[in-house]
C-alpha atoms as a PDB file:
ATOM      1  CA  MET A   1     -16.027 -20.623 -22.979  1.00  0.00           C
ATOM      2  CA  ALA A   2     -19.536 -19.203 -23.420  1.00  0.00           C
ATOM      3  CA  CYS A   3     -20.918 -16.081 -25.068  1.00  0.00           C
ATOM      4  CA  VAL A   4     -23.863 -13.869 -24.113  1.00  0.00           C
ATOM      5  CA  ASP A   5     -25.547 -11.215 -26.250  1.00  0.00           C
ATOM      6  CA  VAL A   6     -29.115  -9.944 -26.445  1.00  0.00           C
ATOM      7  CA  ASP A   7     -28.591  -9.261 -30.157  1.00  0.00           C
ATOM      8  CA  GLU A   8     -29.092 -12.555 -32.012  1.00  0.00           C
ATOM      9  CA  THR A   9     -27.132 -11.365 -35.051  1.00  0.00           C
ATOM     10  CA  ALA A  10     -24.137 -10.341 -32.938  1.00  0.00           C
ATOM     11  CA  LEU A  11     -24.333 -13.596 -30.997  1.00  0.00           C
ATOM     12  CA  ALA A  12     -24.322 -15.658 -34.189  1.00  0.00           C
ATOM     13  CA  SER A  13     -21.401 -13.669 -35.577  1.00  0.00           C
ATOM     14  CA  THR A  14     -19.358 -14.212 -32.402  1.00  0.00           C
ATOM     15  CA  ALA A  15     -20.186 -17.913 -32.433  1.00  0.00           C
ATOM     16  CA  ARG A  16     -18.855 -18.210 -35.988  1.00  0.00           C
ATOM     17  CA  THR A  17     -15.703 -16.224 -35.168  1.00  0.00           C
ATOM     18  CA  TYR A  18     -14.791 -18.359 -32.153  1.00  0.00           C
ATOM     19  CA  LYS A  19     -16.338 -21.578 -33.494  1.00  0.00           C
ATOM     20  CA  LEU A  20     -18.711 -21.886 -30.544  1.00  0.00           C
ATOM     21  CA  PRO A  21     -21.531 -24.457 -30.544  1.00  0.00           C
ATOM     22  CA  ASN A  22     -25.079 -23.208 -30.021  1.00  0.00           C
ATOM     23  CA  SER A  23     -25.123 -24.892 -26.629  1.00  0.00           C
ATOM     24  CA  VAL A  24     -22.813 -22.221 -25.160  1.00  0.00           C
ATOM     25  CA  CYS A  25     -24.500 -19.177 -26.710  1.00  0.00           C
ATOM     26  CA  TYR A  26     -27.013 -17.382 -24.500  1.00  0.00           C
ATOM     27  CA  SER A  27     -29.266 -14.353 -24.574  1.00  0.00           C
ATOM     28  CA  SER A  28     -28.895 -13.602 -20.841  1.00  0.00           C
ATOM     29  CA  LEU A  29     -25.978 -13.651 -18.413  1.00  0.00           C
ATOM     30  CA  ASP A  30     -28.039 -15.268 -15.661  1.00  0.00           C
ATOM     31  CA  GLU A  31     -28.893 -18.163 -17.951  1.00  0.00           C
ATOM     32  CA  ALA A  32     -25.264 -18.612 -18.981  1.00  0.00           C
ATOM     33  CA  LEU A  33     -24.029 -18.645 -15.377  1.00  0.00           C
ATOM     34  CA  ASP A  34     -26.770 -21.076 -14.341  1.00  0.00           C
ATOM     35  CA  ASP A  35     -25.691 -23.407 -17.134  1.00  0.00           C
ATOM     36  CA  ASN A  36     -21.915 -23.053 -16.621  1.00  0.00           C
ATOM     37  CA  VAL A  37     -21.362 -23.649 -12.907  1.00  0.00           C
ATOM     38  CA  GLU A  38     -17.594 -24.106 -13.411  1.00  0.00           C
ATOM     39  CA  CYS A  39     -17.215 -20.618 -14.887  1.00  0.00           C
ATOM     40  CA  GLN A  40     -14.509 -18.641 -13.058  1.00  0.00           C
ATOM     41  CA  ALA A  41     -14.514 -15.327 -14.882  1.00  0.00           C
ATOM     42  CA  VAL A  42     -16.687 -12.984 -16.943  1.00  0.00           C
ATOM     43  CA  LEU A  43     -15.501 -10.443 -19.533  1.00  0.00           C
ATOM     44  CA  VAL A  44     -17.988  -7.566 -19.762  1.00  0.00           C
ATOM     45  CA  VAL A  45     -17.887  -5.847 -23.159  1.00  0.00           C
ATOM     46  CA  THR A  46     -21.446  -4.561 -23.287  1.00  0.00           C
ATOM     47  CA  PRO A  47     -22.377  -0.869 -23.789  1.00  0.00           C
ATOM     48  CA  ALA A  48     -21.339   1.329 -20.861  1.00  0.00           C
ATOM     49  CA  GLU A  49     -24.869   1.818 -19.541  1.00  0.00           C
ATOM     50  CA  GLN A  50     -25.131  -1.979 -19.143  1.00  0.00           C
ATOM     51  CA  HIS A  51     -21.826  -2.431 -17.273  1.00  0.00           C
ATOM     52  CA  PHE A  52     -23.207  -2.021 -13.768  1.00  0.00           C
ATOM     53  CA  GLN A  53     -25.938  -4.630 -14.124  1.00  0.00           C
ATOM     54  CA  ASP A  54     -23.698  -7.183 -15.852  1.00  0.00           C
ATOM     55  CA  CYS A  55     -20.805  -6.746 -13.416  1.00  0.00           C
ATOM     56  CA  GLN A  56     -23.183  -6.942 -10.460  1.00  0.00           C
ATOM     57  CA  THR A  57     -24.712 -10.165 -11.777  1.00  0.00           C
ATOM     58  CA  ALA A  58     -21.315 -11.829 -12.210  1.00  0.00           C
ATOM     59  CA  LEU A  59     -19.792 -10.577  -8.945  1.00  0.00           C
ATOM     60  CA  ALA A  60     -22.859 -11.565  -6.920  1.00  0.00           C
ATOM     61  CA  ARG A  61     -22.265 -15.145  -8.101  1.00  0.00           C
ATOM     62  CA  GLY A  62     -18.617 -14.998  -7.063  1.00  0.00           C
ATOM     63  CA  LYS A  63     -17.173 -14.658 -10.573  1.00  0.00           C
ATOM     64  CA  ALA A  64     -14.066 -12.627 -11.352  1.00  0.00           C
ATOM     65  CA  VAL A  65     -14.803  -9.720 -13.699  1.00  0.00           C
ATOM     66  CA  LEU A  66     -12.820  -7.803 -16.310  1.00  0.00           C
ATOM     67  CA  VAL A  67     -14.923  -4.912 -17.612  1.00  0.00           C
ATOM     68  CA  GLU A  68     -14.263  -2.611 -20.565  1.00  0.00           C
ATOM     69  CA  LYS A  69     -13.775   1.088 -19.940  1.00  0.00           C
ATOM     70  CA  PRO A  70     -15.594   3.123 -18.847  1.00  0.00           C
ATOM     71  CA  PHE A  71     -16.047   1.202 -15.599  1.00  0.00           C
ATOM     72  CA  THR A  72     -19.646   2.413 -15.195  1.00  0.00           C
ATOM     73  CA  THR A  73     -21.518   5.593 -16.079  1.00  0.00           C
ATOM     74  CA  ASN A  74     -21.282   7.060 -12.567  1.00  0.00           C
ATOM     75  CA  LEU A  75     -19.062   6.933  -9.506  1.00  0.00           C
ATOM     76  CA  VAL A  76     -21.667   5.599  -7.056  1.00  0.00           C
ATOM     77  CA  GLU A  77     -22.266   2.482  -9.165  1.00  0.00           C
ATOM     78  CA  ALA A  78     -18.531   1.923  -9.617  1.00  0.00           C
ATOM     79  CA  ASN A  79     -18.010   2.116  -5.856  1.00  0.00           C
ATOM     80  CA  GLU A  80     -20.864  -0.332  -5.242  1.00  0.00           C
ATOM     81  CA  LEU A  81     -19.196  -2.856  -7.561  1.00  0.00           C
ATOM     82  CA  VAL A  82     -15.838  -2.453  -5.806  1.00  0.00           C
ATOM     83  CA  ARG A  83     -17.513  -3.111  -2.459  1.00  0.00           C
ATOM     84  CA  LEU A  84     -19.334  -6.168  -3.841  1.00  0.00           C
ATOM     85  CA  ALA A  85     -16.078  -7.596  -5.231  1.00  0.00           C
ATOM     86  CA  LYS A  86     -14.475  -7.144  -1.809  1.00  0.00           C
ATOM     87  CA  VAL A  87     -17.364  -8.874  -0.034  1.00  0.00           C
ATOM     88  CA  LYS A  88     -17.250 -11.782  -2.496  1.00  0.00           C
ATOM     89  CA  ASN A  89     -13.427 -11.785  -2.439  1.00  0.00           C
ATOM     90  CA  VAL A  90     -13.147 -11.946  -6.229  1.00  0.00           C
ATOM     91  CA  PRO A  91     -11.024  -9.870  -8.637  1.00  0.00           C
ATOM     92  CA  LEU A  92     -12.558  -6.890 -10.430  1.00  0.00           C
ATOM     93  CA  LEU A  93     -10.451  -5.237 -13.151  1.00  0.00           C
ATOM     94  CA  VAL A  94     -11.141  -2.363 -15.542  1.00  0.00           C
ATOM     95  CA  ALA A  95      -9.624  -2.542 -19.031  1.00  0.00           C
ATOM     96  CA  GLN A  96      -7.855   0.817 -19.227  1.00  0.00           C
ATOM     97  CA  ASN A  97      -5.630  -0.538 -22.007  1.00  0.00           C
ATOM     98  CA  TYR A  98      -4.063   2.824 -22.945  1.00  0.00           C
ATOM     99  CA  ARG A  99      -1.829   2.480 -19.879  1.00  0.00           C
ATOM    100  CA  TYR A 100      -0.054  -0.357 -21.656  1.00  0.00           C
ATOM    101  CA  LEU A 101       0.611   1.372 -24.958  1.00  0.00           C
ATOM    102  CA  ARG A 102       4.366   1.562 -25.378  1.00  0.00           C
ATOM    103  CA  VAL A 103       4.391   5.334 -25.714  1.00  0.00           C
ATOM    104  CA  TYR A 104       2.771   5.860 -22.300  1.00  0.00           C
ATOM    105  CA  ARG A 105       4.925   3.220 -20.666  1.00  0.00           C
ATOM    106  CA  ALA A 106       7.932   5.134 -21.962  1.00  0.00           C
ATOM    107  CA  VAL A 107       6.553   8.432 -20.605  1.00  0.00           C
ATOM    108  CA  ARG A 108       5.939   6.855 -17.210  1.00  0.00           C
ATOM    109  CA  ARG A 109       9.456   5.407 -17.147  1.00  0.00           C
ATOM    110  CA  LEU A 110      11.138   8.714 -18.027  1.00  0.00           C
ATOM    111  CA  ILE A 111       9.150  10.559 -15.364  1.00  0.00           C
ATOM    112  CA  SER A 112       9.723   7.917 -12.665  1.00  0.00           C
ATOM    113  CA  GLU A 113      13.479   7.914 -13.444  1.00  0.00           C
ATOM    114  CA  GLY A 114      13.555  11.653 -12.813  1.00  0.00           C
ATOM    115  CA  ARG A 115      14.671  12.565 -16.325  1.00  0.00           C
ATOM    116  CA  LEU A 116      12.263  15.499 -16.436  1.00  0.00           C
ATOM    117  CA  GLY A 117      12.636  16.500 -12.805  1.00  0.00           C
ATOM    118  CA  ARG A 118       9.531  17.813 -11.097  1.00  0.00           C
ATOM    119  CA  ILE A 119       6.612  18.100 -13.513  1.00  0.00           C
ATOM    120  CA  GLY A 120       5.030  21.537 -13.505  1.00  0.00           C
ATOM    121  CA  MET A 121       2.657  21.458 -16.462  1.00  0.00           C
ATOM    122  CA  VAL A 122       1.083  18.962 -18.845  1.00  0.00           C
ATOM    123  CA  ILE A 123      -0.726  19.843 -22.063  1.00  0.00           C
ATOM    124  CA  CYS A 124      -2.723  17.158 -23.873  1.00  0.00           C
ATOM    125  CA  GLN A 125      -4.703  17.634 -27.082  1.00  0.00           C
ATOM    126  CA  TYR A 126      -6.739  15.058 -28.995  1.00  0.00           C
ATOM    127  CA  TYR A 127      -8.388  15.628 -32.379  1.00  0.00           C
ATOM    128  CA  ARG A 128     -10.551  13.335 -34.460  1.00  0.00           C
ATOM    129  CA  VAL A 129     -12.583  13.995 -37.574  1.00  0.00           C
ATOM    130  CA  PRO A 130     -16.328  13.230 -37.482  1.00  0.00           C
ATOM    131  CA  HIS A 131     -16.636   9.466 -37.834  1.00  0.00           C
ATOM    132  CA  GLU A 132     -19.114   6.627 -37.599  1.00  0.00           C
ATOM    133  CA  MET A 133     -19.927   5.980 -33.951  1.00  0.00           C
ATOM    134  CA  SER A 134     -21.999   3.391 -32.138  1.00  0.00           C
ATOM    135  CA  PHE A 135     -25.638   4.141 -31.419  1.00  0.00           C
ATOM    136  CA  ALA A 136     -24.816   4.735 -27.735  1.00  0.00           C
ATOM    137  CA  GLN A 137     -22.000   7.173 -28.568  1.00  0.00           C
ATOM    138  CA  THR A 138     -24.044   9.066 -31.133  1.00  0.00           C
ATOM    139  CA  ASN A 139     -26.776   9.675 -28.570  1.00  0.00           C
ATOM    140  CA  ALA A 140     -24.468  10.439 -25.645  1.00  0.00           C
ATOM    141  CA  THR A 141     -24.309  14.008 -24.386  1.00  0.00           C
ATOM    142  CA  GLN A 142     -20.615  13.682 -23.482  1.00  0.00           C
ATOM    143  CA  SER A 143     -19.421  11.395 -26.268  1.00  0.00           C
ATOM    144  CA  VAL A 144     -15.787  12.507 -26.385  1.00  0.00           C
ATOM    145  CA  LEU A 145     -15.418  12.266 -22.587  1.00  0.00           C
ATOM    146  CA  TRP A 146     -16.761   8.713 -22.405  1.00  0.00           C
ATOM    147  CA  GLY A 147     -15.187   7.627 -25.682  1.00  0.00           C
ATOM    148  CA  MET A 148     -11.670   9.054 -25.486  1.00  0.00           C
ATOM    149  CA  GLY A 149     -11.353  11.434 -22.542  1.00  0.00           C
ATOM    150  CA  VAL A 150     -11.625   8.633 -19.997  1.00  0.00           C
ATOM    151  CA  HIS A 151      -8.530   7.035 -21.608  1.00  0.00           C
ATOM    152  CA  HIS A 152      -6.389  10.162 -21.503  1.00  0.00           C
ATOM    153  CA  LEU A 153      -7.483  11.279 -18.032  1.00  0.00           C
ATOM    154  CA  ASP A 154      -6.599   7.825 -16.688  1.00  0.00           C
ATOM    155  CA  VAL A 155      -3.257   7.853 -18.482  1.00  0.00           C
ATOM    156  CA  MET A 156      -2.319  11.248 -17.030  1.00  0.00           C
ATOM    157  CA  ARG A 157      -2.787  10.126 -13.431  1.00  0.00           C
ATOM    158  CA  TYR A 158      -1.018   6.861 -14.290  1.00  0.00           C
ATOM    159  CA  VAL A 159       2.120   8.312 -15.885  1.00  0.00           C
ATOM    160  CA  LEU A 160       2.424  11.119 -13.315  1.00  0.00           C
ATOM    161  CA  GLY A 161       1.904   8.723 -10.417  1.00  0.00           C
ATOM    162  CA  THR A 162      -0.277  11.180  -8.512  1.00  0.00           C
ATOM    163  CA  GLU A 163      -3.959  11.951  -8.083  1.00  0.00           C
ATOM    164  CA  VAL A 164      -6.073  14.849  -9.332  1.00  0.00           C
ATOM    165  CA  ASN A 165      -7.375  17.204  -6.626  1.00  0.00           C
ATOM    166  CA  ASN A 166      -9.259  19.800  -8.684  1.00  0.00           C
ATOM    167  CA  VAL A 167     -11.065  19.919 -12.031  1.00  0.00           C
ATOM    168  CA  LEU A 168     -12.623  22.699 -14.092  1.00  0.00           C
ATOM    169  CA  SER A 169     -14.302  21.439 -17.248  1.00  0.00           C
ATOM    170  CA  ASP A 170     -16.860  22.229 -19.900  1.00  0.00           C
ATOM    171  CA  ASP A 171     -18.297  20.342 -22.857  1.00  0.00           C
ATOM    172  CA  PHE A 172     -19.632  21.835 -26.037  1.00  0.00           C
ATOM    173  CA  THR A 173     -20.282  21.281 -29.729  1.00  0.00           C
ATOM    174  CA  LEU A 174     -18.696  23.229 -32.559  1.00  0.00           C
ATOM    175  CA  SER A 175     -21.067  25.242 -34.715  1.00  0.00           C
ATOM    176  CA  TRP A 176     -20.480  23.317 -37.955  1.00  0.00           C
ATOM    177  CA  THR A 177     -21.583  19.860 -36.767  1.00  0.00           C
ATOM    178  CA  SER A 178     -24.898  18.363 -35.738  1.00  0.00           C
ATOM    179  CA  LEU A 179     -23.499  16.084 -33.026  1.00  0.00           C
ATOM    180  CA  PRO A 180     -24.999  16.258 -29.512  1.00  0.00           C
ATOM    181  CA  LYS A 181     -23.405  18.548 -26.942  1.00  0.00           C
ATOM    182  CA  GLY A 182     -20.214  17.037 -25.586  1.00  0.00           C
ATOM    183  CA  ALA A 183     -18.529  16.077 -28.852  1.00  0.00           C
ATOM    184  CA  SER A 184     -15.784  18.494 -27.740  1.00  0.00           C
ATOM    185  CA  MET A 185     -14.421  19.268 -24.270  1.00  0.00           C
ATOM    186  CA  ARG A 186     -11.746  21.258 -22.476  1.00  0.00           C
ATOM    187  CA  THR A 187     -10.533  20.646 -18.952  1.00  0.00           C
ATOM    188  CA  MET A 188      -8.038  22.067 -16.478  1.00  0.00           C
ATOM    189  CA  LEU A 189      -6.710  19.783 -13.751  1.00  0.00           C
ATOM    190  CA  SER A 190      -4.474  20.195 -10.739  1.00  0.00           C
ATOM    191  CA  PHE A 191      -2.578  17.287  -9.187  1.00  0.00           C
ATOM    192  CA  GLU A 192      -1.553  16.527  -5.623  1.00  0.00           C
ATOM    193  CA  ASN A 193       2.140  16.889  -6.541  1.00  0.00           C
ATOM    194  CA  GLY A 194       1.563  20.473  -7.694  1.00  0.00           C
ATOM    195  CA  ALA A 195       1.449  19.818 -11.436  1.00  0.00           C
ATOM    196  CA  ARG A 196      -1.194  21.474 -13.613  1.00  0.00           C
ATOM    197  CA  ALA A 197      -2.710  20.033 -16.786  1.00  0.00           C
ATOM    198  CA  PHE A 198      -4.704  21.353 -19.713  1.00  0.00           C
ATOM    199  CA  TYR A 199      -6.686  18.769 -21.688  1.00  0.00           C
ATOM    200  CA  SER A 200      -8.825  19.242 -24.776  1.00  0.00           C
ATOM    201  CA  ALA A 201     -10.488  16.692 -27.025  1.00  0.00           C
ATOM    202  CA  THR A 202     -12.841  16.816 -29.980  1.00  0.00           C
ATOM    203  CA  TYR A 203     -14.641  14.575 -32.428  1.00  0.00           C
ATOM    204  CA  GLU A 204     -15.256  17.586 -34.677  1.00  0.00           C
ATOM    205  CA  SER A 205     -11.828  18.399 -36.103  1.00  0.00           C
ATOM    206  CA  ARG A 206     -11.242  18.818 -39.855  1.00  0.00           C
ATOM    207  CA  GLY A 207      -8.486  18.578 -42.425  1.00  0.00           C
ATOM    208  CA  HIS A 208      -6.631  15.478 -41.282  1.00  0.00           C
ATOM    209  CA  GLU A 209      -8.916  12.737 -42.549  1.00  0.00           C
ATOM    210  CA  PHE A 210      -5.989  10.895 -44.144  1.00  0.00           C
ATOM    211  CA  PHE A 211      -3.553  11.228 -41.238  1.00  0.00           C
ATOM    212  CA  GLU A 212      -3.433   8.316 -38.784  1.00  0.00           C
ATOM    213  CA  ARG A 213      -7.014   7.292 -39.610  1.00  0.00           C
ATOM    214  CA  GLY A 214      -8.250  10.793 -38.892  1.00  0.00           C
ATOM    215  CA  GLN A 215      -6.807  11.058 -35.378  1.00  0.00           C
ATOM    216  CA  GLU A 216      -4.126  13.265 -33.833  1.00  0.00           C
ATOM    217  CA  PHE A 217      -2.745  13.286 -30.297  1.00  0.00           C
ATOM    218  CA  TYR A 218      -0.156  15.613 -28.810  1.00  0.00           C
ATOM    219  CA  ALA A 219       1.107  15.887 -25.230  1.00  0.00           C
ATOM    220  CA  ARG A 220       3.770  18.086 -23.687  1.00  0.00           C
ATOM    221  CA  PHE A 221       5.209  17.259 -20.242  1.00  0.00           C
ATOM    222  CA  ILE A 222       7.106  20.253 -18.870  1.00  0.00           C
ATOM    223  CA  GLY A 223       9.591  19.522 -16.096  1.00  0.00           C
ATOM    224  CA  GLU A 224      12.306  21.462 -14.296  1.00  0.00           C
ATOM    225  CA  LEU A 225      15.047  19.504 -16.113  1.00  0.00           C
ATOM    226  CA  ALA A 226      13.463  18.737 -19.478  1.00  0.00           C
ATOM    227  CA  THR A 227      10.369  18.868 -21.654  1.00  0.00           C
ATOM    228  CA  LEU A 228       8.993  15.728 -23.247  1.00  0.00           C
ATOM    229  CA  HIS A 229       6.937  16.008 -26.439  1.00  0.00           C
ATOM    230  CA  VAL A 230       4.627  13.142 -27.410  1.00  0.00           C
ATOM    231  CA  PHE A 231       3.118  13.175 -30.885  1.00  0.00           C
ATOM    232  CA  GLN A 232       1.148  10.060 -31.688  1.00  0.00           C
ATOM    233  CA  ARG A 233       3.755   7.328 -31.110  1.00  0.00           C
ATOM    234  CA  TRP A 234       6.878   9.533 -31.268  1.00  0.00           C
ATOM    235  CA  LEU A 235       8.667  10.939 -28.228  1.00  0.00           C
ATOM    236  CA  LEU A 236      11.060  13.893 -28.361  1.00  0.00           C
ATOM    237  CA  LEU A 237      13.059  14.671 -25.225  1.00  0.00           C
ATOM    238  CA  CYS A 238      14.413  18.200 -24.845  1.00  0.00           C
ATOM    239  CA  GLU A 239      16.804  18.242 -21.877  1.00  0.00           C
ATOM    240  CA  LYS A 240      18.246  21.438 -20.461  1.00  0.00           C
ATOM    241  CA  GLY A 241      21.510  22.310 -22.225  1.00  0.00           C
ATOM    242  CA  LYS A 242      21.297  19.380 -24.671  1.00  0.00           C
ATOM    243  CA  LEU A 243      20.142  18.905 -28.226  1.00  0.00           C
ATOM    244  CA  PRO A 244      16.638  17.409 -28.635  1.00  0.00           C
ATOM    245  CA  ARG A 245      16.618  13.666 -29.232  1.00  0.00           C
ATOM    246  CA  PHE A 246      14.075  10.997 -30.036  1.00  0.00           C
ATOM    247  CA  VAL A 247      13.359   8.380 -27.377  1.00  0.00           C
ATOM    248  CA  ARG A 248      12.547   4.783 -28.261  1.00  0.00           C
ATOM    249  CA  ARG A 249       9.333   3.342 -26.941  1.00  0.00           C
ATOM    250  CA  GLY A 250      10.846  -0.082 -26.401  1.00  0.00           C
ATOM    251  CA  ARG A 251       9.776  -3.376 -27.877  1.00  0.00           C
ATOM    252  CA  ARG A 252       6.209  -4.558 -27.790  1.00  0.00           C
ATOM    253  CA  GLN A 253       6.612  -7.871 -26.037  1.00  0.00           C
ATOM    254  CA  ILE A 254       2.871  -8.501 -25.722  1.00  0.00           C
ATOM    255  CA  THR A 255      -0.249  -6.616 -26.728  1.00  0.00           C
ATOM    256  CA  GLU A 256      -2.038  -4.206 -24.394  1.00  0.00           C
ATOM    257  CA  GLU A 257      -4.934  -6.653 -24.144  1.00  0.00           C
ATOM    258  CA  GLN A 258      -2.565  -9.477 -23.204  1.00  0.00           C
ATOM    259  CA  SER A 259      -1.101  -7.301 -20.426  1.00  0.00           C
ATOM    260  CA  LEU A 260      -4.573  -6.932 -18.955  1.00  0.00           C
ATOM    261  CA  LEU A 261      -5.463 -10.609 -19.377  1.00  0.00           C
ATOM    262  CA  HIS A 262      -2.219 -11.682 -17.687  1.00  0.00           C
ATOM    263  CA  GLN A 263      -3.077  -9.431 -14.734  1.00  0.00           C
ATOM    264  CA  PHE A 264      -6.562 -10.900 -14.674  1.00  0.00           C
ATOM    265  CA  GLU A 265      -5.175 -14.438 -14.637  1.00  0.00           C
ATOM    266  CA  ARG A 266      -2.749 -13.670 -11.793  1.00  0.00           C
ATOM    267  CA  ALA A 267      -5.531 -12.035  -9.793  1.00  0.00           C
ATOM    268  CA  ILE A 268      -7.686 -15.157 -10.169  1.00  0.00           C
ATOM    269  CA  VAL A 269      -4.987 -17.813  -9.689  1.00  0.00           C
ATOM    270  CA  ARG A 270      -2.645 -16.077  -7.201  1.00  0.00           C
ATOM    271  CA  ASN A 271      -5.010 -13.540  -5.659  1.00  0.00           C
ATOM    272  CA  GLU A 272      -2.595 -10.763  -6.699  1.00  0.00           C
ATOM    273  CA  GLU A 273      -3.531  -7.094  -6.361  1.00  0.00           C
ATOM    274  CA  THR A 274      -3.414  -5.478  -9.814  1.00  0.00           C
ATOM    275  CA  GLU A 275      -2.757  -1.921 -10.997  1.00  0.00           C
ATOM    276  CA  ALA A 276      -5.878  -2.140 -13.184  1.00  0.00           C
ATOM    277  CA  SER A 277      -8.187  -2.978 -10.291  1.00  0.00           C
ATOM    278  CA  GLY A 278     -11.654  -1.548  -9.934  1.00  0.00           C
ATOM    279  CA  LYS A 279     -10.513   0.035  -6.660  1.00  0.00           C
ATOM    280  CA  ASP A 280      -7.763   1.946  -8.466  1.00  0.00           C
ATOM    281  CA  ASN A 281     -10.129   2.936 -11.256  1.00  0.00           C
ATOM    282  CA  LEU A 282     -12.417   4.672  -8.770  1.00  0.00           C
ATOM    283  CA  HIS A 283      -9.936   7.560  -8.944  1.00  0.00           C
ATOM    284  CA  THR A 284     -10.390   7.780 -12.714  1.00  0.00           C
ATOM    285  CA  MET A 285     -14.163   7.571 -12.347  1.00  0.00           C
ATOM    286  CA  ALA A 286     -13.985  10.386  -9.787  1.00  0.00           C
ATOM    287  CA  ILE A 287     -12.151  12.573 -12.334  1.00  0.00           C
ATOM    288  CA  VAL A 288     -14.800  11.838 -14.968  1.00  0.00           C
ATOM    289  CA  GLU A 289     -17.572  12.606 -12.497  1.00  0.00           C
ATOM    290  CA  ALA A 290     -15.796  15.834 -11.539  1.00  0.00           C
ATOM    291  CA  CYS A 291     -15.685  16.799 -15.231  1.00  0.00           C
ATOM    292  CA  LEU A 292     -19.420  16.181 -15.564  1.00  0.00           C
ATOM    293  CA  ARG A 293     -20.294  18.148 -12.424  1.00  0.00           C
ATOM    294  CA  SER A 294     -17.935  20.978 -13.259  1.00  0.00           C
ATOM    295  CA  ALA A 295     -19.418  21.363 -16.744  1.00  0.00           C
ATOM    296  CA  THR A 296     -22.928  21.452 -15.265  1.00  0.00           C
ATOM    297  CA  GLU A 297     -22.222  23.660 -12.244  1.00  0.00           C
ATOM    298  CA  ASN A 298     -19.526  25.841 -13.843  1.00  0.00           C
ATOM    299  CA  LYS A 299     -17.122  25.544 -10.907  1.00  0.00           C
ATOM    300  CA  TRP A 300     -14.012  23.694  -9.731  1.00  0.00           C
ATOM    301  CA  VAL A 301     -14.737  20.192  -8.389  1.00  0.00           C
ATOM    302  CA  ASN A 302     -12.338  18.091  -6.298  1.00  0.00           C
ATOM    303  CA  PRO A 303     -12.454  14.368  -7.253  1.00  0.00           C
ATOM    304  CA  GLN A 304     -11.014  13.407  -3.864  1.00  0.00           C
ATOM    305  CA  GLU A 305     -13.984  15.018  -2.137  1.00  0.00           C
ATOM    306  CA  LEU A 306     -16.301  12.988  -4.369  1.00  0.00           C
ATOM    307  CA  LEU A 307     -14.504   9.835  -3.235  1.00  0.00           C
ATOM    308  CA  ASN A 308     -14.756  10.904   0.407  1.00  0.00           C
ATOM    309  CA  GLU A 309     -18.518  11.288   0.002  1.00  0.00           C
ATOM    310  CA  LEU A 310     -18.700   7.551  -0.701  1.00  0.00           C
ATOM    311  CA  GLN A 311     -17.274   6.580   2.678  1.00  0.00           C
END
């Protein structure tokens, strides 16, 4: 195992944590790959604006890549990486780890089993108090979209098992904070199966600093047979003609990160197609891009049309 970081302090800290000798600590990815010819895979955990360059460097050398979310900072770059991975015939995965949280796995299971019937509407709301953010997040103009929205937008298409075909979005900042524009957002989405969703998220909420480390999440999935409420990690199923009841999330057999790493291993060793592939994540990147364009142009944007433009 080798580690790369342009920040010498961070590199030294990582070396101590994983007990790595200086000989496998590098300040550039090219240097590390030149020195470690037997390397099979690269984990990219750099800031989002660096993802494209680092993934491109590794893929061009035929290395499998697992990259943190967000995949890249724009759809064109994400698509270029997917094409490069295909040409080099190496796995490319995006770490959308929220898919593997037990609560969302339970939601996906209930929907796929038909317990809610056809889904007509989804309402998702995320609140977080102002908090210490990384330098990149603090200076981003859409911090809540790139920081948290990309998780929830990906989860919605994942649990519903259908793609988004229209987006209307705006980003803004509440009057009592000094954060850059985009610390709050609201979005309406329509899905190919006819469902509609309303999503809002903010880093500027107040009054719940001591609840769940200052974060709140609520989702409501409204179906023809039942409504499912999700509050943090609790699920309440309200079926037609029955008393409301709590639904268990199921046991946590392995962590979300282990789920992704196991997929990554199978993709490398067995050449298996994975549900967390870069190709699949293009749909999530298209939703994010649609949000950005919609907020700028003040109109509905179809993510599927954005994907078609790449062909």
